[in-house]
Amino acid sequence: MLSLSQKVIVITGGAGRIGSAFAEGIARAGGIAVIAEVDTKRALEVQEYIQNNVKNAIVEVICLDITSAQSIDNAIQFLDKKYGRIDGLVNNAYPKSKNFGRKFFDINYEDFCAFTNLHLGGYFNISQKFIAYFLKKNGGNIVNISSIQGVVAPAFETYEGTAMHSPVEYTVVKTGLIGLTRYLAKMFKKDNIRVNAISPGGILDGQPEIFLEQYKKRCGNKGMLDAQDIVGTLVYLLSDASKYVNGQTLVVDDGFVL
């Protein structure tokens, strides 16, 4: 039931740290992993790696910008013509605006709107296009990648003693994404379209040791996760094993939010 055999799954941001792990996991589960990226050079490198390391892997690379309706339409038309189907969409892209990441009193209105428009607006944009396609095909599956900061407020104490902080627009977007997940799931639940979300904990990416120690105090055994730690949950949500799971947010965080 956890097989993704011959399922065509589009992963936006599929060449990134998390997206590449998703693409490999989908390929290992027998699915056709479609790496949808604006950075096609990096995507081709991920494609080559997976094909060299996963037996019989089928990995497709397409150029896709989640903020462009034409780009999304082109991608859907290409995949439908080639495979005759698209089974799932993983909304994983992480577009950043020019001034993303400023501290609370340094970010202005334009900066705040720029990031939310790119990120949350882009997720809405591509979801709308794919759902229209899924309605024609009598079903489909969307998995949105949110965050623990979409579930609970940031743990500001974990940043003490570091140059790191938690951008407000990130929390707003990830919270909004869970709301979008529920909205779409309920609207289209009679159309054989499922929409769920995953809220991962922090992912290891060279963070300072003091942050890692303070973060781990809130967790169970591991603390910060590796991207591969989320893959099993994604495969589950894309597979028939979860065919009656809809509108849910699955938290994968080693107990951080408890």
C-alpha atoms as a PDB file:
ATOM      1  CA  MET A   1       0.000   0.000   0.000  1.00  0.00           C
ATOM      2  CA  LEU A   2       2.992   2.313   0.421  1.00  0.00           C
ATOM      3  CA  SER A   3       4.000   1.751  -3.196  1.00  0.00           C
ATOM      4  CA  LEU A   4       3.944   4.711  -5.562  1.00  0.00           C
ATOM      5  CA  SER A   5       4.339   2.468  -8.606  1.00  0.00           C
ATOM      6  CA  GLN A   6       3.924   4.505 -11.801  1.00  0.00           C
ATOM      7  CA  LYS A   7       2.402   7.453  -9.955  1.00  0.00           C
ATOM      8  CA  VAL A   8       3.518  10.730 -11.509  1.00  0.00           C
ATOM      9  CA  ILE A   9       4.435  13.068  -8.657  1.00  0.00           C
ATOM     10  CA  VAL A  10       5.515  16.684  -9.157  1.00  0.00           C
ATOM     11  CA  ILE A  11       7.843  18.125  -6.503  1.00  0.00           C
ATOM     12  CA  THR A  12       8.217  21.895  -6.633  1.00  0.00           C
ATOM     13  CA  GLY A  13      11.628  22.984  -5.409  1.00  0.00           C
ATOM     14  CA  GLY A  14      12.641  19.401  -6.108  1.00  0.00           C
ATOM     15  CA  ALA A  15      16.355  20.128  -6.345  1.00  0.00           C
ATOM     16  CA  GLY A  16      16.638  21.679  -2.898  1.00  0.00           C
ATOM     17  CA  ARG A  17      17.750  20.171   0.385  1.00  0.00           C
ATOM     18  CA  ILE A  18      14.336  18.723   1.219  1.00  0.00           C
ATOM     19  CA  GLY A  19      13.007  18.448  -2.325  1.00  0.00           C
ATOM     20  CA  SER A  20      15.873  16.273  -3.536  1.00  0.00           C
ATOM     21  CA  ALA A  21      15.287  13.854  -0.641  1.00  0.00           C
ATOM     22  CA  PHE A  22      11.602  13.763  -1.598  1.00  0.00           C
ATOM     23  CA  ALA A  23      12.430  13.047  -5.239  1.00  0.00           C
ATOM     24  CA  GLU A  24      14.727  10.190  -4.265  1.00  0.00           C
ATOM     25  CA  GLY A  25      12.139   8.762  -1.866  1.00  0.00           C
ATOM     26  CA  ILE A  26       9.432   8.862  -4.514  1.00  0.00           C
ATOM     27  CA  ALA A  27      11.716   7.119  -6.995  1.00  0.00           C
ATOM     28  CA  ARG A  28      12.601   4.435  -4.428  1.00  0.00           C
ATOM     29  CA  ALA A  29       8.872   3.848  -3.868  1.00  0.00           C
ATOM     30  CA  GLY A  30       8.436   3.227  -7.604  1.00  0.00           C
ATOM     31  CA  GLY A  31       6.971   6.583  -8.526  1.00  0.00           C
ATOM     32  CA  ILE A  32       7.891   8.885 -11.376  1.00  0.00           C
ATOM     33  CA  ALA A  33       9.596  11.772  -9.611  1.00  0.00           C
ATOM     34  CA  VAL A  34       9.175  15.072 -11.438  1.00  0.00           C
ATOM     35  CA  ILE A  35      11.666  17.660 -10.216  1.00  0.00           C
ATOM     36  CA  ALA A  36       9.983  21.001 -10.916  1.00  0.00           C
ATOM     37  CA  GLU A  37      12.475  23.817 -10.593  1.00  0.00           C
ATOM     38  CA  VAL A  38      13.501  27.219 -11.857  1.00  0.00           C
ATOM     39  CA  ASP A  39      17.106  26.073 -11.290  1.00  0.00           C
ATOM     40  CA  THR A  40      17.158  23.359 -13.945  1.00  0.00           C
ATOM     41  CA  LYS A  41      20.953  22.990 -13.821  1.00  0.00           C
ATOM     42  CA  ARG A  42      20.789  21.903 -10.198  1.00  0.00           C
ATOM     43  CA  ALA A  43      17.727  19.773 -10.966  1.00  0.00           C
ATOM     44  CA  LEU A  44      19.628  17.860 -13.650  1.00  0.00           C
ATOM     45  CA  GLU A  45      22.396  17.130 -11.133  1.00  0.00           C
ATOM     46  CA  VAL A  46      19.832  15.710  -8.691  1.00  0.00           C
ATOM     47  CA  GLN A  47      18.269  13.694 -11.501  1.00  0.00           C
ATOM     48  CA  GLU A  48      21.642  12.173 -12.389  1.00  0.00           C
ATOM     49  CA  TYR A  49      22.394  11.341  -8.745  1.00  0.00           C
ATOM     50  CA  ILE A  50      19.075   9.561  -8.231  1.00  0.00           C
ATOM     51  CA  GLN A  51      19.311   7.628 -11.478  1.00  0.00           C
ATOM     52  CA  ASN A  52      22.815   6.500 -10.536  1.00  0.00           C
ATOM     53  CA  ASN A  53      21.798   5.424  -7.023  1.00  0.00           C
ATOM     54  CA  VAL A  54      18.233   4.100  -7.309  1.00  0.00           C
ATOM     55  CA  LYS A  55      17.654   1.049  -9.478  1.00  0.00           C
ATOM     56  CA  ASN A  56      15.140   1.633 -12.292  1.00  0.00           C
ATOM     57  CA  ALA A  57      14.488   5.183 -11.113  1.00  0.00           C
ATOM     58  CA  ILE A  58      12.366   7.360 -13.377  1.00  0.00           C
ATOM     59  CA  VAL A  59      13.139  11.029 -12.788  1.00  0.00           C
ATOM     60  CA  GLU A  60      11.846  13.882 -14.920  1.00  0.00           C
ATOM     61  CA  VAL A  61      13.080  17.483 -14.831  1.00  0.00           C
ATOM     62  CA  ILE A  62      10.833  20.372 -15.819  1.00  0.00           C
ATOM     63  CA  CYS A  63      11.274  24.127 -15.556  1.00  0.00           C
ATOM     64  CA  LEU A  64       8.497  25.532 -13.384  1.00  0.00           C
ATOM     65  CA  ASP A  65       7.885  28.837 -11.631  1.00  0.00           C
ATOM     66  CA  ILE A  66       5.042  28.598  -9.116  1.00  0.00           C
ATOM     67  CA  THR A  67       4.275  32.315  -9.482  1.00  0.00           C
ATOM     68  CA  SER A  68       3.726  32.058 -13.259  1.00  0.00           C
ATOM     69  CA  ALA A  69       0.391  30.728 -14.530  1.00  0.00           C
ATOM     70  CA  GLN A  70       1.876  30.128 -17.972  1.00  0.00           C
ATOM     71  CA  SER A  71       4.799  28.173 -16.546  1.00  0.00           C
ATOM     72  CA  ILE A  72       2.437  25.938 -14.583  1.00  0.00           C
ATOM     73  CA  ASP A  73       0.161  25.410 -17.585  1.00  0.00           C
ATOM     74  CA  ASN A  74       3.145  24.447 -19.736  1.00  0.00           C
ATOM     75  CA  ALA A  75       4.328  21.924 -17.148  1.00  0.00           C
ATOM     76  CA  ILE A  76       0.897  20.305 -16.796  1.00  0.00           C
ATOM     77  CA  GLN A  77       0.462  20.059 -20.568  1.00  0.00           C
ATOM     78  CA  PHE A  78       3.919  18.539 -21.023  1.00  0.00           C
ATOM     79  CA  LEU A  79       3.431  15.897 -18.335  1.00  0.00           C
ATOM     80  CA  ASP A  80      -0.091  15.019 -19.429  1.00  0.00           C
ATOM     81  CA  LYS A  81       1.054  14.583 -23.019  1.00  0.00           C
ATOM     82  CA  LYS A  82       4.025  12.435 -22.013  1.00  0.00           C
ATOM     83  CA  TYR A  83       2.477  10.302 -19.254  1.00  0.00           C
ATOM     84  CA  GLY A  84      -1.262  10.808 -19.690  1.00  0.00           C
ATOM     85  CA  ARG A  85      -1.641  11.526 -15.997  1.00  0.00           C
ATOM     86  CA  ILE A  86      -0.399  13.463 -12.976  1.00  0.00           C
ATOM     87  CA  ASP A  87      -1.189  11.833  -9.654  1.00  0.00           C
ATOM     88  CA  GLY A  88       0.250  14.172  -7.089  1.00  0.00           C
ATOM     89  CA  LEU A  89       1.740  17.576  -6.343  1.00  0.00           C
ATOM     90  CA  VAL A  90       4.188  18.256  -3.521  1.00  0.00           C
ATOM     91  CA  ASN A  91       4.195  21.971  -2.742  1.00  0.00           C
ATOM     92  CA  ASN A  92       7.730  22.285  -1.462  1.00  0.00           C
ATOM     93  CA  ALA A  93       9.205  25.300  -3.303  1.00  0.00           C
ATOM     94  CA  TYR A  94      10.706  28.005  -1.119  1.00  0.00           C
ATOM     95  CA  PRO A  95      10.902  31.244  -3.107  1.00  0.00           C
ATOM     96  CA  LYS A  96      12.521  34.111  -1.225  1.00  0.00           C
ATOM     97  CA  SER A  97      11.915  37.809  -1.713  1.00  0.00           C
ATOM     98  CA  LYS A  98      14.807  40.259  -1.882  1.00  0.00           C
ATOM     99  CA  ASN A  99      14.742  41.303   1.774  1.00  0.00           C
ATOM    100  CA  PHE A 100      13.422  38.124   3.365  1.00  0.00           C
ATOM    101  CA  GLY A 101      14.707  37.392   6.863  1.00  0.00           C
ATOM    102  CA  ARG A 102      14.985  40.833   8.399  1.00  0.00           C
ATOM    103  CA  LYS A 103      14.198  41.231  12.087  1.00  0.00           C
ATOM    104  CA  PHE A 104      10.715  42.249  13.210  1.00  0.00           C
ATOM    105  CA  PHE A 105      11.303  46.020  13.444  1.00  0.00           C
ATOM    106  CA  ASP A 106      13.479  46.094  10.328  1.00  0.00           C
ATOM    107  CA  ILE A 107      11.006  44.520   7.929  1.00  0.00           C
ATOM    108  CA  ASN A 108       8.631  46.933   6.210  1.00  0.00           C
ATOM    109  CA  TYR A 109       5.204  46.432   4.705  1.00  0.00           C
ATOM    110  CA  GLU A 110       6.529  45.949   1.181  1.00  0.00           C
ATOM    111  CA  ASP A 111       9.044  43.321   2.332  1.00  0.00           C
ATOM    112  CA  PHE A 112       6.366  41.445   4.269  1.00  0.00           C
ATOM    113  CA  CYS A 113       3.964  41.414   1.333  1.00  0.00           C
ATOM    114  CA  ALA A 114       6.675  40.430  -1.147  1.00  0.00           C
ATOM    115  CA  PHE A 115       7.474  37.204   0.688  1.00  0.00           C
ATOM    116  CA  THR A 116       3.874  36.251   1.433  1.00  0.00           C
ATOM    117  CA  ASN A 117       2.885  36.929  -2.190  1.00  0.00           C
ATOM    118  CA  LEU A 118       5.727  34.801  -3.544  1.00  0.00           C
ATOM    119  CA  HIS A 119       5.391  31.927  -1.134  1.00  0.00           C
ATOM    120  CA  LEU A 120       1.766  31.583  -0.056  1.00  0.00           C
ATOM    121  CA  GLY A 121       0.511  33.206  -3.245  1.00  0.00           C
ATOM    122  CA  GLY A 122       2.629  30.827  -5.308  1.00  0.00           C
ATOM    123  CA  TYR A 123       1.247  27.800  -3.444  1.00  0.00           C
ATOM    124  CA  PHE A 124      -2.287  29.021  -4.120  1.00  0.00           C
ATOM    125  CA  ASN A 125      -1.460  29.661  -7.766  1.00  0.00           C
ATOM    126  CA  ILE A 126      -0.109  26.201  -8.514  1.00  0.00           C
ATOM    127  CA  SER A 127      -2.741  24.440  -6.378  1.00  0.00           C
ATOM    128  CA  GLN A 128      -5.525  26.151  -8.320  1.00  0.00           C
ATOM    129  CA  LYS A 129      -4.035  25.015 -11.642  1.00  0.00           C
ATOM    130  CA  PHE A 130      -3.411  21.431 -10.533  1.00  0.00           C
ATOM    131  CA  ILE A 131      -6.846  21.066  -8.949  1.00  0.00           C
ATOM    132  CA  ALA A 132      -8.441  22.173 -12.226  1.00  0.00           C
ATOM    133  CA  TYR A 133      -6.446  19.394 -13.913  1.00  0.00           C
ATOM    134  CA  PHE A 134      -7.331  16.845 -11.214  1.00  0.00           C
ATOM    135  CA  LEU A 135     -11.037  17.620 -11.648  1.00  0.00           C
ATOM    136  CA  LYS A 136     -10.748  16.671 -15.318  1.00  0.00           C
ATOM    137  CA  LYS A 137      -8.940  13.458 -14.376  1.00  0.00           C
ATOM    138  CA  ASN A 138     -11.337  12.506 -11.560  1.00  0.00           C
ATOM    139  CA  GLY A 139      -8.854  12.790  -8.728  1.00  0.00           C
ATOM    140  CA  GLY A 140      -5.473  13.834  -7.418  1.00  0.00           C
ATOM    141  CA  ASN A 141      -3.358  14.420  -4.359  1.00  0.00           C
ATOM    142  CA  ILE A 142      -1.623  17.503  -2.954  1.00  0.00           C
ATOM    143  CA  VAL A 143       0.839  17.575  -0.068  1.00  0.00           C
ATOM    144  CA  ASN A 144       1.836  21.008   1.241  1.00  0.00           C
ATOM    145  CA  ILE A 145       5.074  21.410   3.162  1.00  0.00           C
ATOM    146  CA  SER A 146       4.403  23.679   6.118  1.00  0.00           C
ATOM    147  CA  SER A 147       6.477  23.823   9.325  1.00  0.00           C
ATOM    148  CA  ILE A 148       6.241  23.446  13.070  1.00  0.00           C
ATOM    149  CA  GLN A 149       6.029  27.245  13.034  1.00  0.00           C
ATOM    150  CA  GLY A 150       2.714  26.839  11.276  1.00  0.00           C
ATOM    151  CA  VAL A 151       1.525  24.826  14.287  1.00  0.00           C
ATOM    152  CA  VAL A 152       3.030  26.641  17.271  1.00  0.00           C
ATOM    153  CA  ALA A 153       4.692  29.985  17.925  1.00  0.00           C
ATOM    154  CA  PRO A 154       8.475  30.129  17.420  1.00  0.00           C
ATOM    155  CA  ALA A 155      10.624  28.998  20.333  1.00  0.00           C
ATOM    156  CA  PHE A 156      12.528  32.270  20.562  1.00  0.00           C
ATOM    157  CA  GLU A 157      14.686  30.952  23.404  1.00  0.00           C
ATOM    158  CA  THR A 158      16.410  28.494  21.070  1.00  0.00           C
ATOM    159  CA  TYR A 159      17.993  31.423  19.195  1.00  0.00           C
ATOM    160  CA  GLU A 160      19.598  33.025  22.258  1.00  0.00           C
ATOM    161  CA  GLY A 161      23.350  33.474  21.942  1.00  0.00           C
ATOM    162  CA  THR A 162      23.254  33.151  18.147  1.00  0.00           C
ATOM    163  CA  ALA A 163      22.946  35.543  15.198  1.00  0.00           C
ATOM    164  CA  MET A 164      19.851  33.615  14.128  1.00  0.00           C
ATOM    165  CA  HIS A 165      16.241  34.682  14.559  1.00  0.00           C
ATOM    166  CA  SER A 166      12.777  33.655  13.413  1.00  0.00           C
ATOM    167  CA  PRO A 167      11.330  35.870  10.632  1.00  0.00           C
ATOM    168  CA  VAL A 168       7.708  36.831  11.228  1.00  0.00           C
ATOM    169  CA  GLU A 169       6.711  36.405   7.580  1.00  0.00           C
ATOM    170  CA  TYR A 170       7.870  32.775   7.650  1.00  0.00           C
ATOM    171  CA  THR A 171       5.523  31.941  10.534  1.00  0.00           C
ATOM    172  CA  VAL A 172       2.635  33.772   8.863  1.00  0.00           C
ATOM    173  CA  VAL A 173       3.119  31.933   5.573  1.00  0.00           C
ATOM    174  CA  LYS A 174       3.465  28.493   7.135  1.00  0.00           C
ATOM    175  CA  THR A 175       0.383  29.065   9.293  1.00  0.00           C
ATOM    176  CA  GLY A 176      -1.565  30.286   6.282  1.00  0.00           C
ATOM    177  CA  LEU A 177      -0.542  27.223   4.335  1.00  0.00           C
ATOM    178  CA  ILE A 178      -2.246  24.960   6.870  1.00  0.00           C
ATOM    179  CA  GLY A 179      -5.402  27.041   6.476  1.00  0.00           C
ATOM    180  CA  LEU A 180      -5.167  26.717   2.697  1.00  0.00           C
ATOM    181  CA  THR A 181      -4.751  22.954   3.095  1.00  0.00           C
ATOM    182  CA  ARG A 182      -7.971  22.634   5.092  1.00  0.00           C
ATOM    183  CA  TYR A 183      -9.877  24.945   2.764  1.00  0.00           C
ATOM    184  CA  LEU A 184      -8.953  23.024  -0.373  1.00  0.00           C
ATOM    185  CA  ALA A 185      -9.448  19.617   1.265  1.00  0.00           C
ATOM    186  CA  LYS A 186     -12.976  20.478   2.307  1.00  0.00           C
ATOM    187  CA  MET A 187     -13.922  22.169  -0.939  1.00  0.00           C
ATOM    188  CA  PHE A 188     -12.869  19.221  -3.109  1.00  0.00           C
ATOM    189  CA  LYS A 189     -13.335  16.219  -0.828  1.00  0.00           C
ATOM    190  CA  LYS A 190     -16.249  14.956  -2.955  1.00  0.00           C
ATOM    191  CA  ASP A 191     -14.079  15.102  -6.089  1.00  0.00           C
ATOM    192  CA  ASN A 192     -11.555  12.441  -5.069  1.00  0.00           C
ATOM    193  CA  ILE A 193      -8.953  15.132  -4.410  1.00  0.00           C
ATOM    194  CA  ARG A 194      -6.982  14.947  -1.178  1.00  0.00           C
ATOM    195  CA  VAL A 195      -4.993  17.830   0.299  1.00  0.00           C
ATOM    196  CA  ASN A 196      -2.785  17.330   3.350  1.00  0.00           C
ATOM    197  CA  ALA A 197       0.210  19.028   4.906  1.00  0.00           C
ATOM    198  CA  ILE A 198       3.440  18.033   6.605  1.00  0.00           C
ATOM    199  CA  SER A 199       4.886  20.269   9.304  1.00  0.00           C
ATOM    200  CA  PRO A 200       8.527  19.268   9.754  1.00  0.00           C
ATOM    201  CA  GLY A 201      10.743  20.293  12.602  1.00  0.00           C
ATOM    202  CA  GLY A 202      14.018  22.062  11.914  1.00  0.00           C
ATOM    203  CA  ILE A 203      16.310  20.526   9.299  1.00  0.00           C
ATOM    204  CA  LEU A 204      20.065  20.333   9.813  1.00  0.00           C
ATOM    205  CA  ASP A 205      21.881  22.870   7.660  1.00  0.00           C
ATOM    206  CA  GLY A 206      25.074  23.938   9.382  1.00  0.00           C
ATOM    207  CA  GLN A 207      23.417  25.721  12.299  1.00  0.00           C
ATOM    208  CA  PRO A 208      25.700  26.740  15.212  1.00  0.00           C
ATOM    209  CA  GLU A 209      26.203  24.202  17.981  1.00  0.00           C
ATOM    210  CA  ILE A 210      24.606  26.371  20.673  1.00  0.00           C
ATOM    211  CA  PHE A 211      21.401  26.545  18.646  1.00  0.00           C
ATOM    212  CA  LEU A 212      21.394  22.788  18.059  1.00  0.00           C
ATOM    213  CA  GLU A 213      21.810  22.147  21.785  1.00  0.00           C
ATOM    214  CA  GLN A 214      19.023  24.521  22.775  1.00  0.00           C
ATOM    215  CA  TYR A 215      16.730  23.148  20.079  1.00  0.00           C
ATOM    216  CA  LYS A 216      17.347  19.541  21.120  1.00  0.00           C
ATOM    217  CA  LYS A 217      16.252  20.255  24.691  1.00  0.00           C
ATOM    218  CA  ARG A 218      12.674  20.511  23.393  1.00  0.00           C
ATOM    219  CA  CYS A 219      12.866  17.224  21.484  1.00  0.00           C
ATOM    220  CA  GLY A 220      12.941  13.524  22.144  1.00  0.00           C
ATOM    221  CA  ASN A 221      16.095  11.806  20.905  1.00  0.00           C
ATOM    222  CA  LYS A 222      17.472  13.460  17.784  1.00  0.00           C
ATOM    223  CA  GLY A 223      16.664  17.152  17.815  1.00  0.00           C
ATOM    224  CA  MET A 224      17.141  18.757  14.406  1.00  0.00           C
ATOM    225  CA  LEU A 225      16.196  16.359  11.627  1.00  0.00           C
ATOM    226  CA  ASP A 226      17.742  15.306   8.351  1.00  0.00           C
ATOM    227  CA  ALA A 227      15.641  15.821   5.218  1.00  0.00           C
ATOM    228  CA  GLN A 228      15.386  12.046   4.835  1.00  0.00           C
ATOM    229  CA  ASP A 229      13.496  11.865   8.139  1.00  0.00           C
ATOM    230  CA  ILE A 230      10.419  13.379   6.479  1.00  0.00           C
ATOM    231  CA  VAL A 231      10.388  11.164   3.392  1.00  0.00           C
ATOM    232  CA  GLY A 232       8.419   8.277   4.912  1.00  0.00           C
ATOM    233  CA  THR A 233       5.570  10.593   5.891  1.00  0.00           C
ATOM    234  CA  LEU A 234       5.476  12.054   2.393  1.00  0.00           C
ATOM    235  CA  VAL A 235       5.375   8.627   0.732  1.00  0.00           C
ATOM    236  CA  TYR A 236       2.566   7.629   3.108  1.00  0.00           C
ATOM    237  CA  LEU A 237       0.476  10.670   2.183  1.00  0.00           C
ATOM    238  CA  LEU A 238       1.046  10.123  -1.531  1.00  0.00           C
ATOM    239  CA  SER A 239       0.232   6.420  -1.357  1.00  0.00           C
ATOM    240  CA  ASP A 240      -2.996   4.453  -1.135  1.00  0.00           C
ATOM    241  CA  ALA A 241      -2.170   3.680   2.501  1.00  0.00           C
ATOM    242  CA  SER A 242      -3.534   7.142   3.355  1.00  0.00           C
ATOM    243  CA  LYS A 243      -6.449   7.263   0.919  1.00  0.00           C
ATOM    244  CA  TYR A 244      -8.888   8.303   3.668  1.00  0.00           C
ATOM    245  CA  VAL A 245      -6.582  10.904   5.219  1.00  0.00           C
ATOM    246  CA  ASN A 246      -7.655  14.355   4.092  1.00  0.00           C
ATOM    247  CA  GLY A 247      -7.248  17.917   5.344  1.00  0.00           C
ATOM    248  CA  GLN A 248      -4.718  16.885   7.980  1.00  0.00           C
ATOM    249  CA  THR A 249      -1.368  18.281   9.079  1.00  0.00           C
ATOM    250  CA  LEU A 250       1.146  15.626  10.110  1.00  0.00           C
ATOM    251  CA  VAL A 251       3.863  16.933  12.420  1.00  0.00           C
ATOM    252  CA  VAL A 252       7.295  15.315  12.102  1.00  0.00           C
ATOM    253  CA  ASP A 253       9.501  16.987  14.689  1.00  0.00           C
ATOM    254  CA  ASP A 254      10.872  14.519  17.278  1.00  0.00           C
ATOM    255  CA  GLY A 255       8.380  15.901  19.792  1.00  0.00           C
ATOM    256  CA  PHE A 256       9.411  19.578  19.522  1.00  0.00           C
ATOM    257  CA  VAL A 257       5.867  20.981  19.679  1.00  0.00           C
ATOM    258  CA  LEU A 258       4.817  18.903  22.696  1.00  0.00           C
END
